[in-house]
Amino acid sequence: MQEKPQFQESVEEIQLNENGLDKLSEEERKAWRLLMKRHRNSSIKPEDFSDLYDNQAIKKDLDYVQTMEGIFEQKNNSDKESFERRGELLEALLSEGIRSGRWLGADTMPIIPSRYDDIANGIDLVLEMLSKEGFSHLALNIDMTSSAESAENKLTAIRKTISEGKLSKVKYFKSEKANIRGQIENIPKVIIGIDPEHIRKLCLARVEIHSFRSGLKHPENQTPAIQKSLEEKLKESTRNFVKNIARHIIIREIEMQLLKFSDFADNLGGQAKEIAEKYRASYETLQRIKKETENLSPELEEEINNDKVFESIRAGLANF
């Protein structure tokens, strides 16, 4: 029997920057407030690695984060702040979709990196995937722009690292399923994104899940008829989240980049052949994951192709 999605709610331990939130849709604001504290609280904490790294080194990294946060705050304007809030929201939604909605299969888990690795290494999420060889990892950099030029710039940065014989690294890493802790290197990296309209629909489904689940617990809703109605609505909202088009968009974005980067590294030859193998292995793992998903209708294919961020990434790859 398929395991039921276990969506969690927010926690209250940390304070968040809400600047720019007013420019998001009502559904996005509600989802952001519902998810962000728990999402941030789930990130890897450098302080937990004092047995592996010198305390002064950890403090230096934490100071670096504080300095960079101050620089970001000085440079921010209202448009940039709303852009950042939406990016944070997509991070949290993707993490929930991959973990609870099983968007990338039961054997793929999202790991939320430390803020240090987010800023210093440009990694928003790490996917830990069960592969033929054991566990493999794929770094995700979230792009919220529909500008082909912006996507092309990020893709060019990946191209540069491949040309230099490098891949991404995460200094503070802890696996959920494997005995891996500390720095991991040579991680393939891709960029992903979804346009605001698709994010809004995903937010609506997630907020409804919360509302209907809360409604089931309310003392005034304990009659059999009301309980049945709320359970049916909860089931429909959960289906809308789990089967959301966002799942297919990110799979398609990851897939086409893994192929492109693998071919590029292959053509470079030499040591880049090892990089090509890393991207190719991730691609093969993704193909196994795709077999677990349903076939797409022509209408859904068209909707994927019309996603503005998807199109910007595809256009950027055309000039890779």
Protein backbone atom coordinates (compact mmCIF):
# COMPACT_ATOMS: atom_id res chain seq x y z
CA MET A 1 0.00 0.00 0.00
CA GLN A 2 1.34 3.44 -0.94
CA GLU A 3 2.48 5.51 2.02
CA LYS A 4 0.33 8.52 2.77
CA PRO A 5 2.07 11.92 2.37
CA GLN A 6 3.06 13.31 5.78
CA PHE A 7 2.99 17.10 5.45
CA GLN A 8 4.31 18.92 8.52
CA GLU A 9 3.44 22.38 9.78
CA SER A 10 5.49 25.42 10.74
CA VAL A 11 7.62 25.89 13.87
CA GLU A 12 8.25 29.06 15.83
CA GLU A 13 11.95 28.89 16.73
CA ILE A 14 13.40 31.43 14.28
CA GLN A 15 12.70 34.88 12.93
CA LEU A 16 12.39 35.49 9.19
CA ASN A 17 12.78 38.45 6.89
CA GLU A 18 9.33 39.21 5.45
CA ASN A 19 10.38 42.20 3.35
CA GLY A 20 8.88 41.93 -0.12
CA LEU A 21 6.26 39.41 0.93
CA ASP A 22 3.49 41.95 0.28
CA LYS A 23 4.19 41.74 -3.48
CA LEU A 24 3.42 38.03 -3.61
CA SER A 25 -0.06 36.61 -4.18
CA GLU A 26 -2.29 35.81 -1.19
CA GLU A 27 -1.73 32.06 -1.71
CA GLU A 28 2.05 32.56 -1.81
CA ARG A 29 2.05 34.67 1.37
CA LYS A 30 0.01 32.07 3.27
CA ALA A 31 2.23 29.20 2.09
CA TRP A 32 5.41 31.15 2.88
CA ARG A 33 4.27 31.80 6.46
CA LEU A 34 3.15 28.20 6.83
CA LEU A 35 6.36 26.58 5.58
CA MET A 36 9.38 28.84 5.93
CA LYS A 37 10.23 28.55 9.61
CA ARG A 38 10.17 24.78 9.52
CA HIS A 39 12.13 24.78 6.26
CA ARG A 40 14.86 27.04 7.67
CA ASN A 41 14.91 25.08 10.91
CA SER A 42 15.55 21.90 8.88
CA SER A 43 18.71 23.27 7.27
CA ILE A 44 22.11 21.87 8.21
CA LYS A 45 23.77 23.80 11.06
CA PRO A 46 27.59 24.35 10.92
CA GLU A 47 27.63 24.40 14.74
CA ASP A 48 26.81 20.68 14.69
CA PHE A 49 30.18 19.90 13.05
CA SER A 50 32.48 20.96 15.89
CA ASP A 51 33.79 17.39 16.11
CA LEU A 52 34.95 17.58 12.46
CA TYR A 53 36.02 21.21 12.03
CA ASP A 54 37.95 23.61 14.21
CA ASN A 55 35.64 25.94 16.13
CA GLN A 56 37.46 28.98 14.77
CA ALA A 57 36.90 27.78 11.20
CA ILE A 58 33.20 27.33 11.90
CA LYS A 59 33.02 30.79 13.48
CA LYS A 60 34.75 32.24 10.42
CA ASP A 61 32.10 30.68 8.16
CA LEU A 62 29.28 31.95 10.38
CA ASP A 63 30.82 35.44 10.36
CA TYR A 64 31.04 35.22 6.56
CA VAL A 65 27.32 34.47 6.39
CA GLN A 66 26.52 37.40 8.69
CA THR A 67 28.67 39.75 6.59
CA MET A 68 27.10 38.63 3.33
CA GLU A 69 23.59 38.90 4.77
CA GLY A 70 24.39 42.51 5.70
CA ILE A 71 25.60 43.23 2.16
CA PHE A 72 22.47 41.64 0.69
CA GLU A 73 20.26 43.73 2.96
CA GLN A 74 21.98 46.98 1.90
CA LYS A 75 21.58 46.15 -1.79
CA ASN A 76 17.98 44.99 -1.57
CA ASN A 77 15.07 46.87 -3.09
CA SER A 78 11.39 45.92 -2.96
CA ASP A 79 11.45 44.07 -6.28
CA LYS A 80 14.56 42.10 -5.35
CA GLU A 81 13.12 41.29 -1.93
CA SER A 82 9.89 39.89 -3.38
CA PHE A 83 11.99 37.90 -5.85
CA GLU A 84 13.95 36.43 -2.92
CA ARG A 85 10.82 35.59 -0.91
CA ARG A 86 9.40 33.70 -3.90
CA GLY A 87 12.69 31.85 -4.33
CA GLU A 88 12.66 30.85 -0.65
CA LEU A 89 9.07 29.70 -1.03
CA LEU A 90 9.90 27.53 -4.03
CA GLU A 91 12.76 25.96 -2.05
CA ALA A 92 10.37 24.96 0.72
CA LEU A 93 7.71 23.72 -1.71
CA LEU A 94 10.23 21.64 -3.67
CA SER A 95 11.56 20.14 -0.46
CA GLU A 96 8.03 19.16 0.60
CA GLY A 97 7.14 17.88 -2.86
CA ILE A 98 10.24 15.70 -3.06
CA ARG A 99 10.05 14.44 0.53
CA SER A 100 6.32 14.13 1.22
CA GLY A 101 4.90 14.10 -2.31
CA ARG A 102 7.56 11.68 -3.60
CA TRP A 103 8.00 13.77 -6.76
CA LEU A 104 11.30 12.05 -7.50
CA GLY A 105 10.40 8.63 -6.18
CA ALA A 106 10.57 7.02 -2.77
CA ASP A 107 14.37 6.75 -2.87
CA THR A 108 15.13 10.47 -3.32
CA MET A 109 15.38 12.79 -0.34
CA PRO A 110 16.00 16.57 -0.26
CA ILE A 111 18.73 17.84 2.06
CA ILE A 112 18.65 21.53 2.96
CA PRO A 113 22.22 22.85 3.08
CA SER A 114 23.58 25.37 5.55
CA ARG A 115 23.23 29.05 4.77
CA TYR A 116 27.02 29.03 4.34
CA ASP A 117 26.86 26.50 1.49
CA ASP A 118 23.88 28.34 0.04
CA ILE A 119 25.86 31.59 -0.21
CA ALA A 120 29.43 30.34 -0.71
CA ASN A 121 28.69 27.42 -3.04
CA GLY A 122 25.38 28.47 -4.61
CA ILE A 123 23.44 25.39 -3.54
CA ASP A 124 19.80 25.65 -2.48
CA LEU A 125 18.98 21.95 -2.17
CA VAL A 126 20.89 18.69 -2.43
CA LEU A 127 19.11 15.63 -3.75
CA GLU A 128 20.24 12.35 -2.24
CA MET A 129 19.25 9.61 -4.69
CA LEU A 130 19.59 5.85 -4.44
CA SER A 131 21.58 4.79 -7.51
CA LYS A 132 23.09 1.55 -8.79
CA GLU A 133 26.31 2.26 -6.89
CA GLY A 134 24.62 3.30 -3.64
CA PHE A 135 23.78 6.93 -2.94
CA SER A 136 24.50 9.76 -5.36
CA HIS A 137 23.98 13.48 -4.92
CA LEU A 138 22.78 16.27 -7.18
CA ALA A 139 23.03 19.96 -6.27
CA LEU A 140 20.14 22.26 -7.17
CA ASN A 141 20.40 26.02 -7.70
CA ILE A 142 16.96 27.63 -7.84
CA ASP A 143 16.42 30.28 -10.53
CA MET A 144 13.27 32.37 -10.35
CA THR A 145 13.77 34.52 -13.41
CA SER A 146 12.07 34.09 -16.76
CA SER A 147 14.95 35.92 -18.43
CA ALA A 148 16.86 33.73 -20.88
CA GLU A 149 19.89 35.97 -20.33
CA SER A 150 19.90 35.33 -16.58
CA ALA A 151 19.49 31.58 -17.08
CA GLU A 152 22.27 31.62 -19.66
CA ASN A 153 24.59 33.40 -17.18
CA LYS A 154 24.00 30.71 -14.56
CA LEU A 155 24.48 27.97 -17.13
CA THR A 156 27.69 29.66 -18.28
CA ALA A 157 28.97 29.51 -14.69
CA ILE A 158 28.33 25.75 -14.65
CA ARG A 159 30.03 25.43 -18.02
CA LYS A 160 33.08 27.26 -16.62
CA THR A 161 33.41 24.90 -13.66
CA ILE A 162 33.12 21.87 -15.95
CA SER A 163 35.78 23.33 -18.27
CA GLU A 164 38.05 23.81 -15.25
CA GLY A 165 37.54 20.19 -14.26
CA LYS A 166 35.47 21.07 -11.19
CA LEU A 167 32.09 20.21 -9.79
CA SER A 168 30.24 21.57 -6.77
CA LYS A 169 31.02 20.88 -3.13
CA VAL A 170 29.17 21.13 0.16
CA LYS A 171 31.30 21.81 3.24
CA TYR A 172 28.66 20.98 5.83
CA PHE A 173 26.82 17.85 4.79
CA LYS A 174 24.94 15.14 6.64
CA SER A 175 23.20 12.30 4.85
CA GLU A 176 19.79 11.13 5.99
CA LYS A 177 20.26 7.53 4.86
CA ALA A 178 23.97 6.91 4.27
CA ASN A 179 26.95 7.14 6.59
CA ILE A 180 28.19 10.39 5.02
CA ARG A 181 29.03 13.45 7.10
CA GLY A 182 31.35 16.39 6.52
CA GLN A 183 32.47 17.83 3.19
CA ILE A 184 31.37 16.16 -0.02
CA GLU A 185 32.83 17.09 -3.40
CA ASN A 186 32.34 16.48 -7.12
CA ILE A 187 28.58 16.97 -7.04
CA PRO A 188 26.87 17.62 -10.38
CA LYS A 189 24.85 20.84 -10.35
CA VAL A 190 21.80 22.06 -12.29
CA ILE A 191 19.48 25.08 -12.09
CA ILE A 192 15.73 24.73 -11.72
CA GLY A 193 12.75 27.07 -11.51
CA ILE A 194 9.01 27.42 -11.99
CA ASP A 195 7.08 30.49 -13.06
CA PRO A 196 4.94 32.39 -10.50
CA GLU A 197 1.57 31.17 -11.81
CA HIS A 198 2.51 27.53 -11.30
CA ILE A 199 3.94 28.37 -7.87
CA ARG A 200 0.66 30.06 -6.93
CA LYS A 201 -1.36 26.94 -7.80
CA LEU A 202 1.05 24.77 -5.84
CA CYS A 203 0.71 27.12 -2.85
CA LEU A 204 -3.08 26.95 -3.05
CA ALA A 205 -3.02 23.16 -2.80
CA ARG A 206 -0.57 23.21 0.12
CA VAL A 207 -2.55 25.84 2.07
CA GLU A 208 -5.75 23.85 1.50
CA ILE A 209 -4.07 20.73 2.89
CA HIS A 210 -3.31 22.68 6.07
CA SER A 211 -6.81 24.20 6.30
CA PHE A 212 -8.73 20.97 5.76
CA ARG A 213 -6.48 18.99 8.11
CA SER A 214 -6.94 21.64 10.80
CA GLY A 215 -10.67 21.60 10.15
CA LEU A 216 -10.84 17.87 10.85
CA LYS A 217 -9.54 18.52 14.37
CA HIS A 218 -11.89 21.41 15.17
CA PRO A 219 -14.48 20.57 17.87
CA GLU A 220 -17.34 22.01 15.78
CA ASN A 221 -16.56 19.73 12.82
CA GLN A 222 -16.88 16.32 14.48
CA THR A 223 -20.16 15.21 12.93
CA PRO A 224 -19.80 12.31 10.45
CA ALA A 225 -21.08 14.38 7.50
CA ILE A 226 -18.64 17.25 8.07
CA GLN A 227 -15.75 14.87 8.70
CA LYS A 228 -16.46 13.02 5.46
CA SER A 229 -16.67 16.28 3.48
CA LEU A 230 -13.38 17.56 4.91
CA GLU A 231 -11.64 14.23 4.32
CA GLU A 232 -12.70 14.27 0.67
CA LYS A 233 -11.49 17.86 0.26
CA LEU A 234 -8.21 17.00 1.99
CA LYS A 235 -7.74 14.03 -0.34
CA GLU A 236 -8.35 16.21 -3.40
CA SER A 237 -5.94 18.94 -2.24
CA THR A 238 -3.27 16.36 -1.44
CA ARG A 239 -3.70 14.87 -4.91
CA ASN A 240 -3.40 18.36 -6.43
CA PHE A 241 -0.12 18.90 -4.59
CA VAL A 242 1.39 15.46 -5.20
CA LYS A 243 0.43 15.40 -8.90
CA ASN A 244 1.26 19.08 -9.47
CA ILE A 245 2.84 20.09 -12.78
CA ALA A 246 5.82 21.46 -10.83
CA ARG A 247 6.97 17.88 -10.42
CA HIS A 248 7.16 17.36 -14.18
CA ILE A 249 8.75 20.74 -14.86
CA ILE A 250 11.69 20.14 -12.52
CA ILE A 251 12.22 16.60 -13.85
CA ARG A 252 12.34 17.95 -17.39
CA GLU A 253 14.68 20.82 -16.44
CA ILE A 254 17.06 18.49 -14.63
CA GLU A 255 16.96 15.91 -17.41
CA MET A 256 17.86 18.24 -20.25
CA GLN A 257 20.71 19.82 -18.29
CA LEU A 258 22.22 16.48 -17.25
CA LEU A 259 22.29 15.42 -20.89
CA LYS A 260 23.76 18.72 -22.11
CA PHE A 261 26.45 18.88 -19.40
CA SER A 262 27.38 15.23 -19.86
CA ASP A 263 27.85 15.68 -23.61
CA PHE A 264 29.81 18.89 -23.09
CA ALA A 265 32.21 17.27 -20.61
CA ASP A 266 32.55 14.22 -22.87
CA ASN A 267 33.61 16.41 -25.78
CA LEU A 268 36.26 18.12 -23.63
CA GLY A 269 37.95 14.78 -23.09
CA GLY A 270 40.76 14.15 -20.62
CA GLN A 271 39.83 14.53 -16.95
CA ALA A 272 36.47 15.96 -17.94
CA LYS A 273 35.45 12.40 -18.83
CA GLU A 274 35.03 11.77 -15.09
CA ILE A 275 32.69 14.75 -14.86
CA ALA A 276 30.74 13.44 -17.84
CA GLU A 277 30.32 10.14 -16.00
CA LYS A 278 28.98 11.94 -12.92
CA TYR A 279 26.33 13.75 -14.98
CA ARG A 280 25.52 10.61 -16.96
CA ALA A 281 25.07 8.55 -13.77
CA SER A 282 22.65 11.16 -12.43
CA TYR A 283 20.79 11.09 -15.74
CA GLU A 284 20.44 7.30 -15.59
CA THR A 285 19.14 7.53 -12.01
CA LEU A 286 16.63 10.14 -13.13
CA GLN A 287 15.43 7.85 -15.92
CA ARG A 288 14.70 5.16 -13.36
CA ILE A 289 12.77 7.70 -11.32
CA LYS A 290 10.79 8.80 -14.37
CA LYS A 291 9.56 5.24 -14.90
CA GLU A 292 7.74 5.58 -11.60
CA THR A 293 5.75 8.58 -12.87
CA GLU A 294 2.69 8.54 -15.09
CA ASN A 295 2.65 9.33 -18.81
CA LEU A 296 1.99 12.96 -19.67
CA SER A 297 -0.93 14.10 -21.78
CA PRO A 298 -0.33 16.43 -24.77
CA GLU A 299 -2.07 19.19 -22.79
CA LEU A 300 0.30 18.77 -19.85
CA GLU A 301 3.30 18.68 -22.19
CA GLU A 302 2.16 21.99 -23.66
CA GLU A 303 1.71 23.53 -20.21
CA ILE A 304 5.25 22.46 -19.25
CA ASN A 305 6.67 24.02 -22.41
CA ASN A 306 4.79 27.25 -21.70
CA ASP A 307 6.29 27.67 -18.23
CA LYS A 308 8.37 30.84 -18.57
CA VAL A 309 11.27 29.73 -16.37
CA PHE A 310 11.42 26.35 -18.10
CA GLU A 311 11.59 28.15 -21.44
CA SER A 312 14.37 30.46 -20.21
CA ILE A 313 16.48 27.47 -19.14
CA ARG A 314 15.84 25.68 -22.41
CA ALA A 315 16.81 28.82 -24.35
CA GLY A 316 19.97 29.16 -22.28
CA LEU A 317 20.92 25.56 -23.01
CA ALA A 318 20.45 26.16 -26.74
CA ASN A 319 23.42 28.54 -26.55
CA PHE A 320 25.49 26.35 -24.23
